[in-house]
């Protein structure tokens, strides 16, 4: 039924108005959903991160406990070869990848995420890392106009 209504609205409304309403609806669903989210703690190597209980990373860690550990090995060797260079994590989300990197090397971290919801977790979790962390709350794109909105259901 929802799909039928969406199709009717798409055909009847000007494209700009349709997209505006669609984005407002997504924003509403995100706010409604995130108002109910509870947090939990998740150990990732040397750190215990704060994470929403509905985040997909919890399932991934349970099913694949060594997931992304190769990234730590790469970070260790890259850190040894380039000790003064920062490591950039674009789409840092809650800081899970940064936790793996920070467990393996002491390089500065540049952590970037565009989500209002996950950036608040990133800010909190980055305080745990001994590395110097620079956080950027923005989207990274090629310079062309970006439209749409972020949808947060277990990840971004």
N, C-alpha and C. Protein backbone atom coordinates (compact mmCIF):
# COMPACT_ATOMS: atom_id res chain seq x y z
N UNK A 1 0.82 -1.19 0.00
CA UNK A 1 0.00 0.00 0.00
C UNK A 1 0.86 1.26 0.00
N UNK A 2 1.94 1.23 0.82
CA UNK A 2 2.82 2.40 0.89
C UNK A 2 3.46 2.70 -0.46
N UNK A 3 3.84 1.64 -1.14
CA UNK A 3 4.48 1.82 -2.44
C UNK A 3 3.51 2.47 -3.43
N UNK A 4 2.24 2.08 -3.39
CA UNK A 4 1.23 2.66 -4.27
C UNK A 4 1.09 4.15 -3.98
N UNK A 5 1.02 4.50 -2.70
CA UNK A 5 0.89 5.91 -2.32
C UNK A 5 2.13 6.69 -2.77
N UNK A 6 3.31 6.11 -2.59
CA UNK A 6 4.54 6.78 -3.03
C UNK A 6 4.51 7.02 -4.54
N UNK A 7 4.08 6.03 -5.29
CA UNK A 7 4.02 6.17 -6.76
C UNK A 7 3.03 7.25 -7.17
N UNK A 8 1.89 7.31 -6.50
CA UNK A 8 0.89 8.33 -6.83
C UNK A 8 1.46 9.72 -6.52
N UNK A 9 2.06 9.87 -5.34
CA UNK A 9 2.64 11.17 -4.98
C UNK A 9 3.75 11.55 -5.94
N UNK A 10 4.57 10.58 -6.33
CA UNK A 10 5.67 10.86 -7.25
C UNK A 10 5.14 11.39 -8.59
N UNK A 11 4.04 10.81 -9.06
CA UNK A 11 3.47 11.25 -10.34
C UNK A 11 2.74 12.58 -10.24
N UNK A 12 2.10 12.86 -9.09
CA UNK A 12 1.29 14.07 -8.96
C UNK A 12 2.08 15.32 -8.57
N UNK A 13 3.12 15.14 -7.75
CA UNK A 13 3.83 16.30 -7.22
C UNK A 13 5.03 16.67 -8.08
N UNK A 14 5.38 17.95 -8.10
CA UNK A 14 6.64 18.32 -8.76
C UNK A 14 7.79 17.60 -8.07
N UNK A 15 8.83 17.27 -8.83
CA UNK A 15 9.93 16.47 -8.30
C UNK A 15 10.55 17.09 -7.05
N UNK A 16 10.78 18.40 -7.07
CA UNK A 16 11.39 19.07 -5.92
C UNK A 16 10.55 18.93 -4.67
N UNK A 17 9.25 19.09 -4.77
CA UNK A 17 8.35 18.96 -3.63
C UNK A 17 8.31 17.52 -3.14
N UNK A 18 8.26 16.58 -4.08
CA UNK A 18 8.25 15.17 -3.71
C UNK A 18 9.50 14.81 -2.91
N UNK A 19 10.68 15.23 -3.41
CA UNK A 19 11.93 14.93 -2.72
C UNK A 19 12.00 15.61 -1.35
N UNK A 20 11.50 16.84 -1.26
CA UNK A 20 11.48 17.55 0.01
C UNK A 20 10.63 16.78 1.03
N UNK A 21 9.43 16.37 0.63
CA UNK A 21 8.55 15.63 1.53
C UNK A 21 9.14 14.27 1.89
N UNK A 22 9.74 13.62 0.93
CA UNK A 22 10.37 12.33 1.19
C UNK A 22 11.49 12.48 2.23
N UNK A 23 12.32 13.50 2.09
CA UNK A 23 13.41 13.73 3.04
C UNK A 23 12.88 14.10 4.42
N UNK A 24 11.81 14.90 4.47
CA UNK A 24 11.21 15.25 5.77
C UNK A 24 10.67 14.00 6.45
N UNK A 25 10.07 13.10 5.67
CA UNK A 25 9.55 11.86 6.23
C UNK A 25 10.69 11.00 6.79
N UNK A 26 11.78 10.91 6.07
CA UNK A 26 12.94 10.15 6.55
C UNK A 26 13.49 10.78 7.82
N UNK A 27 13.60 12.12 7.85
CA UNK A 27 14.07 12.81 9.06
C UNK A 27 13.16 12.49 10.24
N UNK A 28 11.85 12.51 10.00
CA UNK A 28 10.88 12.21 11.06
C UNK A 28 11.09 10.78 11.58
N UNK A 29 11.22 9.82 10.66
CA UNK A 29 11.42 8.43 11.07
C UNK A 29 12.72 8.28 11.87
N UNK A 30 13.79 8.96 11.42
CA UNK A 30 15.06 8.89 12.15
C UNK A 30 14.92 9.44 13.56
N UNK A 31 14.28 10.61 13.71
CA UNK A 31 14.12 11.22 15.03
C UNK A 31 13.25 10.35 15.93
N UNK A 32 12.18 9.82 15.38
CA UNK A 32 11.29 8.95 16.15
C UNK A 32 12.04 7.70 16.60
N UNK A 33 12.79 7.13 15.68
CA UNK A 33 13.54 5.91 15.95
C UNK A 33 14.65 6.16 16.98
N UNK A 34 15.41 7.25 16.81
CA UNK A 34 16.56 7.49 17.67
C UNK A 34 16.16 7.94 19.07
N UNK A 35 14.97 8.44 19.21
CA UNK A 35 14.50 8.79 20.55
C UNK A 35 14.33 7.56 21.43
N UNK A 36 14.20 6.39 20.81
CA UNK A 36 13.99 5.14 21.54
C UNK A 36 15.27 4.31 21.69
N UNK A 37 16.36 4.75 21.08
CA UNK A 37 17.58 3.96 21.06
C UNK A 37 18.25 3.94 22.43
N UNK A 38 18.66 2.76 22.84
CA UNK A 38 19.43 2.60 24.06
C UNK A 38 20.87 2.29 23.67
N UNK A 39 21.78 2.53 24.59
CA UNK A 39 23.19 2.30 24.33
C UNK A 39 23.67 1.06 25.05
N UNK A 40 24.77 0.51 24.53
CA UNK A 40 25.45 -0.59 25.18
C UNK A 40 26.94 -0.36 25.02
N UNK A 41 27.73 -1.19 25.66
CA UNK A 41 29.18 -1.12 25.55
C UNK A 41 29.65 -2.27 24.68
N UNK A 42 30.66 -1.99 23.85
CA UNK A 42 31.19 -3.02 22.96
C UNK A 42 32.71 -2.98 22.99
N UNK A 43 33.35 -4.07 23.46
CA UNK A 43 34.82 -4.09 23.45
C UNK A 43 35.35 -4.31 22.05
N UNK A 44 36.26 -3.44 21.65
CA UNK A 44 36.97 -3.59 20.37
C UNK A 44 38.45 -3.43 20.68
N UNK A 45 39.17 -4.53 20.68
CA UNK A 45 40.58 -4.60 21.05
C UNK A 45 40.84 -3.88 22.36
N UNK A 46 41.57 -2.76 22.36
CA UNK A 46 41.98 -2.10 23.60
C UNK A 46 40.92 -1.16 24.19
N UNK A 47 39.78 -1.03 23.55
CA UNK A 47 38.80 -0.01 23.94
C UNK A 47 37.41 -0.62 24.11
N UNK A 48 36.62 0.03 24.93
CA UNK A 48 35.21 -0.34 25.07
C UNK A 48 34.40 0.86 24.61
N UNK A 49 33.76 0.72 23.45
CA UNK A 49 33.03 1.81 22.83
C UNK A 49 31.58 1.83 23.29
N UNK A 50 31.00 3.03 23.28
CA UNK A 50 29.56 3.19 23.47
C UNK A 50 28.93 3.08 22.09
N UNK A 51 27.88 2.28 22.01
CA UNK A 51 27.29 1.98 20.70
C UNK A 51 25.78 1.81 20.88
N UNK A 52 24.97 2.25 19.90
CA UNK A 52 23.52 2.00 20.01
C UNK A 52 23.24 0.49 19.97
N UNK A 53 22.28 0.05 20.76
CA UNK A 53 22.01 -1.39 20.84
C UNK A 53 21.53 -2.00 19.53
N UNK A 54 21.04 -1.17 18.60
CA UNK A 54 20.54 -1.72 17.33
C UNK A 54 21.58 -1.63 16.21
N UNK A 55 22.84 -1.28 16.54
CA UNK A 55 23.86 -1.12 15.50
C UNK A 55 24.26 -2.48 14.95
N UNK A 56 24.42 -2.58 13.64
CA UNK A 56 24.77 -3.85 13.00
C UNK A 56 26.14 -4.37 13.42
N UNK A 57 27.02 -3.49 13.87
CA UNK A 57 28.37 -3.94 14.24
C UNK A 57 28.32 -4.98 15.36
N UNK A 58 27.32 -4.91 16.23
CA UNK A 58 27.19 -5.89 17.31
C UNK A 58 27.00 -7.29 16.73
N UNK A 59 26.13 -7.40 15.74
CA UNK A 59 25.90 -8.69 15.07
C UNK A 59 27.16 -9.14 14.34
N UNK A 60 27.81 -8.20 13.62
CA UNK A 60 29.02 -8.57 12.88
C UNK A 60 30.11 -9.09 13.81
N UNK A 61 30.28 -8.43 14.95
CA UNK A 61 31.32 -8.84 15.87
C UNK A 61 31.02 -10.22 16.45
N UNK A 62 29.75 -10.49 16.71
CA UNK A 62 29.36 -11.80 17.25
C UNK A 62 29.59 -12.89 16.20
N UNK A 63 29.21 -12.63 14.95
CA UNK A 63 29.31 -13.62 13.89
C UNK A 63 30.72 -13.74 13.32
N UNK A 64 31.46 -12.63 13.31
CA UNK A 64 32.80 -12.60 12.72
C UNK A 64 33.75 -11.85 13.67
N UNK A 65 34.16 -12.48 14.77
CA UNK A 65 34.92 -11.77 15.79
C UNK A 65 36.26 -11.20 15.31
N UNK A 66 36.80 -11.70 14.23
CA UNK A 66 38.07 -11.19 13.72
C UNK A 66 37.88 -10.23 12.54
N UNK A 67 36.65 -9.84 12.30
CA UNK A 67 36.33 -8.93 11.21
C UNK A 67 37.15 -7.64 11.35
N UNK A 68 37.74 -7.19 10.27
CA UNK A 68 38.51 -5.95 10.18
C UNK A 68 39.83 -5.98 10.94
N UNK A 69 40.25 -7.11 11.49
CA UNK A 69 41.51 -7.15 12.22
C UNK A 69 42.70 -6.96 11.28
N UNK A 70 42.54 -7.34 9.99
CA UNK A 70 43.62 -7.10 9.02
C UNK A 70 43.91 -5.61 8.91
N UNK A 71 42.90 -4.81 9.10
CA UNK A 71 43.08 -3.37 9.08
C UNK A 71 44.06 -2.94 10.17
N UNK A 72 44.00 -3.58 11.30
CA UNK A 72 44.94 -3.28 12.38
C UNK A 72 46.37 -3.61 12.00
N UNK A 73 46.55 -4.72 11.31
CA UNK A 73 47.89 -5.11 10.85
C UNK A 73 48.42 -4.07 9.86
N UNK A 74 47.58 -3.66 8.93
CA UNK A 74 47.97 -2.63 7.96
C UNK A 74 48.32 -1.33 8.69
N UNK A 75 47.51 -0.94 9.67
CA UNK A 75 47.77 0.29 10.43
C UNK A 75 49.10 0.20 11.17
N UNK A 76 49.40 -0.94 11.75
CA UNK A 76 50.66 -1.11 12.47
C UNK A 76 51.85 -0.87 11.55
N UNK A 77 51.83 -1.52 10.37
CA UNK A 77 52.96 -1.36 9.45
C UNK A 77 53.00 0.03 8.82
N UNK A 78 51.85 0.58 8.49
CA UNK A 78 51.81 1.94 7.94
C UNK A 78 52.31 2.94 8.98
N UNK A 79 51.93 2.74 10.23
CA UNK A 79 52.38 3.62 11.31
C UNK A 79 53.88 3.57 11.51
N UNK A 80 54.46 2.39 11.36
CA UNK A 80 55.93 2.27 11.47
C UNK A 80 56.63 2.96 10.31
N UNK A 81 56.08 2.78 9.11
CA UNK A 81 56.72 3.36 7.92
C UNK A 81 56.53 4.87 7.86
N UNK A 82 55.34 5.35 8.27
CA UNK A 82 55.01 6.79 8.20
C UNK A 82 54.56 7.29 9.58
N UNK A 83 55.47 7.33 10.55
CA UNK A 83 55.05 7.65 11.92
C UNK A 83 54.51 9.07 12.12
N UNK A 84 54.84 9.98 11.23
CA UNK A 84 54.38 11.37 11.40
C UNK A 84 53.15 11.69 10.56
N UNK A 85 52.66 10.74 9.80
CA UNK A 85 51.52 10.98 8.93
C UNK A 85 50.22 10.56 9.62
N UNK A 86 49.17 11.35 9.45
CA UNK A 86 47.88 10.96 10.04
C UNK A 86 47.20 9.88 9.21
N UNK A 87 46.32 9.16 9.86
CA UNK A 87 45.49 8.17 9.18
C UNK A 87 44.08 8.72 9.15
N UNK A 88 43.45 8.68 7.97
CA UNK A 88 42.13 9.27 7.76
C UNK A 88 41.09 8.16 7.69
N UNK A 89 40.03 8.33 8.44
CA UNK A 89 38.89 7.40 8.40
C UNK A 89 37.67 8.20 7.96
N UNK A 90 37.29 8.05 6.70
CA UNK A 90 36.12 8.74 6.17
C UNK A 90 34.92 7.81 6.33
N UNK A 91 33.88 8.30 6.97
CA UNK A 91 32.74 7.46 7.32
C UNK A 91 33.04 6.74 8.62
N UNK A 92 33.57 7.47 9.59
CA UNK A 92 34.06 6.87 10.84
C UNK A 92 32.95 6.29 11.70
N UNK A 93 31.71 6.71 11.49
CA UNK A 93 30.55 6.17 12.20
C UNK A 93 30.74 6.29 13.71
N UNK A 94 30.80 5.21 14.44
CA UNK A 94 30.92 5.25 15.91
C UNK A 94 32.38 5.20 16.37
N UNK A 95 33.31 5.02 15.43
CA UNK A 95 34.73 4.95 15.77
C UNK A 95 35.26 3.53 15.90
N UNK A 96 34.53 2.54 15.38
CA UNK A 96 34.97 1.16 15.50
C UNK A 96 36.27 0.89 14.74
N UNK A 97 36.38 1.42 13.52
CA UNK A 97 37.62 1.25 12.76
C UNK A 97 38.75 2.03 13.42
N UNK A 98 38.45 3.22 13.89
CA UNK A 98 39.46 4.03 14.58
C UNK A 98 39.98 3.30 15.82
N UNK A 99 39.12 2.56 16.51
CA UNK A 99 39.54 1.79 17.69
C UNK A 99 40.55 0.72 17.30
N UNK A 100 40.31 0.07 16.18
CA UNK A 100 41.26 -0.95 15.69
C UNK A 100 42.58 -0.30 15.35
N UNK A 101 42.53 0.83 14.63
CA UNK A 101 43.76 1.53 14.24
C UNK A 101 44.51 2.03 15.47
N UNK A 102 43.79 2.65 16.41
CA UNK A 102 44.42 3.20 17.62
C UNK A 102 45.01 2.10 18.50
N UNK A 103 44.51 0.88 18.39
CA UNK A 103 45.07 -0.24 19.14
C UNK A 103 46.41 -0.69 18.58
N UNK A 104 46.67 -0.34 17.33
CA UNK A 104 47.85 -0.86 16.64
C UNK A 104 48.93 0.18 16.33
N UNK A 105 48.60 1.47 16.36
CA UNK A 105 49.61 2.48 16.05
C UNK A 105 49.29 3.79 16.76
N UNK A 106 50.27 4.67 16.82
CA UNK A 106 50.09 5.92 17.55
C UNK A 106 49.93 7.13 16.63
N UNK A 107 49.74 6.90 15.34
CA UNK A 107 49.56 8.01 14.40
C UNK A 107 48.35 8.85 14.78
N UNK A 108 48.40 10.14 14.41
CA UNK A 108 47.23 10.99 14.56
C UNK A 108 46.10 10.42 13.71
N UNK A 109 44.87 10.63 14.15
CA UNK A 109 43.70 10.16 13.42
C UNK A 109 42.86 11.35 12.99
N UNK A 110 42.43 11.32 11.74
CA UNK A 110 41.46 12.29 11.23
C UNK A 110 40.19 11.49 10.98
N UNK A 111 39.16 11.78 11.76
CA UNK A 111 37.91 11.00 11.73
C UNK A 111 36.80 11.87 11.17
N UNK A 112 36.15 11.39 10.10
CA UNK A 112 35.15 12.16 9.38
C UNK A 112 33.84 11.38 9.34
N UNK A 113 32.75 12.04 9.72
CA UNK A 113 31.43 11.43 9.55
C UNK A 113 30.39 12.53 9.40
N UNK A 114 29.43 12.31 8.53
CA UNK A 114 28.40 13.31 8.24
C UNK A 114 27.10 13.13 9.00
N UNK A 115 26.97 12.07 9.74
CA UNK A 115 25.72 11.77 10.44
C UNK A 115 25.65 12.51 11.77
N UNK A 116 24.58 13.26 11.97
CA UNK A 116 24.37 13.92 13.26
C UNK A 116 24.28 12.87 14.37
N UNK A 117 23.58 11.79 14.09
CA UNK A 117 23.36 10.76 15.10
C UNK A 117 24.66 10.06 15.48
N UNK A 118 25.40 9.53 14.50
CA UNK A 118 26.60 8.77 14.81
C UNK A 118 27.78 9.65 15.20
N UNK A 119 27.79 10.90 14.77
CA UNK A 119 28.90 11.78 15.13
C UNK A 119 28.95 11.98 16.65
N UNK A 120 27.81 12.01 17.30
CA UNK A 120 27.81 12.16 18.76
C UNK A 120 28.49 10.95 19.43
N UNK A 121 28.29 9.76 18.88
CA UNK A 121 28.98 8.57 19.39
C UNK A 121 30.47 8.66 19.09
N UNK A 122 30.80 9.11 17.90
CA UNK A 122 32.21 9.24 17.50
C UNK A 122 32.94 10.20 18.45
N UNK A 123 32.31 11.32 18.76
CA UNK A 123 32.93 12.29 19.68
C UNK A 123 33.24 11.65 21.03
N UNK A 124 32.29 10.90 21.55
CA UNK A 124 32.46 10.26 22.85
C UNK A 124 33.53 9.18 22.79
N UNK A 125 33.49 8.34 21.77
CA UNK A 125 34.42 7.22 21.68
C UNK A 125 35.84 7.68 21.36
N UNK A 126 36.00 8.75 20.59
CA UNK A 126 37.33 9.24 20.23
C UNK A 126 38.11 9.70 21.46
N UNK A 127 37.41 10.08 22.51
CA UNK A 127 38.07 10.50 23.75
C UNK A 127 38.83 9.33 24.40
N UNK A 128 38.49 8.12 24.04
CA UNK A 128 39.15 6.94 24.61
C UNK A 128 40.52 6.68 23.99
N UNK A 129 40.73 7.16 22.79
CA UNK A 129 41.95 6.83 22.05
C UNK A 129 43.11 7.71 22.51
N UNK A 130 44.29 7.12 22.71
CA UNK A 130 45.45 7.93 23.10
C UNK A 130 45.99 8.76 21.92
N UNK A 131 45.63 8.40 20.72
CA UNK A 131 46.07 9.12 19.53
C UNK A 131 45.47 10.53 19.53
N UNK A 132 46.17 11.47 18.92
CA UNK A 132 45.58 12.79 18.70
C UNK A 132 44.49 12.59 17.64
N UNK A 133 43.28 13.00 17.94
CA UNK A 133 42.15 12.82 17.02
C UNK A 133 41.61 14.18 16.60
N UNK A 134 41.44 14.35 15.30
CA UNK A 134 40.78 15.52 14.76
C UNK A 134 39.48 15.03 14.12
N UNK A 135 38.36 15.55 14.59
CA UNK A 135 37.06 15.11 14.09
C UNK A 135 36.47 16.16 13.16
N UNK A 136 35.86 15.68 12.09
CA UNK A 136 35.18 16.56 11.13
C UNK A 136 33.76 16.03 10.93
N UNK A 137 32.79 16.88 11.19
CA UNK A 137 31.39 16.52 11.02
C UNK A 137 30.94 17.03 9.65
N UNK A 138 31.14 16.23 8.63
CA UNK A 138 30.80 16.63 7.27
C UNK A 138 30.71 15.40 6.38
N UNK A 139 30.14 15.60 5.20
CA UNK A 139 30.12 14.57 4.18
C UNK A 139 31.28 14.84 3.22
N UNK A 140 31.87 13.80 2.71
CA UNK A 140 32.95 13.93 1.74
C UNK A 140 32.37 13.55 0.38
N UNK A 141 32.51 14.43 -0.59
CA UNK A 141 31.97 14.17 -1.93
C UNK A 141 32.92 14.76 -2.97
N UNK A 142 32.56 14.62 -4.20
CA UNK A 142 33.42 15.08 -5.30
C UNK A 142 33.16 16.53 -5.70
N UNK A 143 32.35 17.23 -4.97
CA UNK A 143 32.07 18.63 -5.29
C UNK A 143 30.76 18.82 -6.03
N UNK A 144 30.18 17.75 -6.55
CA UNK A 144 28.89 17.88 -7.23
C UNK A 144 27.79 18.00 -6.18
N UNK A 145 26.64 18.52 -6.60
CA UNK A 145 25.53 18.71 -5.67
C UNK A 145 25.05 17.37 -5.14
N UNK A 146 24.86 17.30 -3.83
CA UNK A 146 24.39 16.08 -3.18
C UNK A 146 22.97 16.32 -2.68
N UNK A 147 22.09 15.39 -2.93
CA UNK A 147 20.72 15.49 -2.44
C UNK A 147 20.37 14.23 -1.67
N UNK A 148 19.31 14.30 -0.91
CA UNK A 148 18.88 13.13 -0.15
C UNK A 148 19.12 13.35 1.32
N UNK A 149 19.02 12.28 2.07
CA UNK A 149 19.27 12.38 3.51
C UNK A 149 19.86 11.05 3.98
N UNK A 150 20.50 11.11 5.14
CA UNK A 150 21.08 9.90 5.73
C UNK A 150 19.97 9.13 6.44
N UNK A 151 19.99 7.83 6.28
CA UNK A 151 19.03 6.97 6.94
C UNK A 151 19.82 6.10 7.92
N UNK A 152 19.40 6.09 9.17
CA UNK A 152 20.13 5.38 10.21
C UNK A 152 19.30 4.22 10.73
N UNK A 153 19.59 3.05 10.28
CA UNK A 153 18.92 1.85 10.78
C UNK A 153 19.98 0.77 10.95
N UNK A 154 20.67 0.76 12.08
CA UNK A 154 21.70 -0.23 12.33
C UNK A 154 23.04 0.13 11.74
N UNK A 155 23.17 1.25 11.12
CA UNK A 155 24.36 1.78 10.48
C UNK A 155 23.87 2.98 9.67
N UNK A 156 24.69 3.51 8.81
CA UNK A 156 24.24 4.66 8.03
C UNK A 156 24.01 4.24 6.59
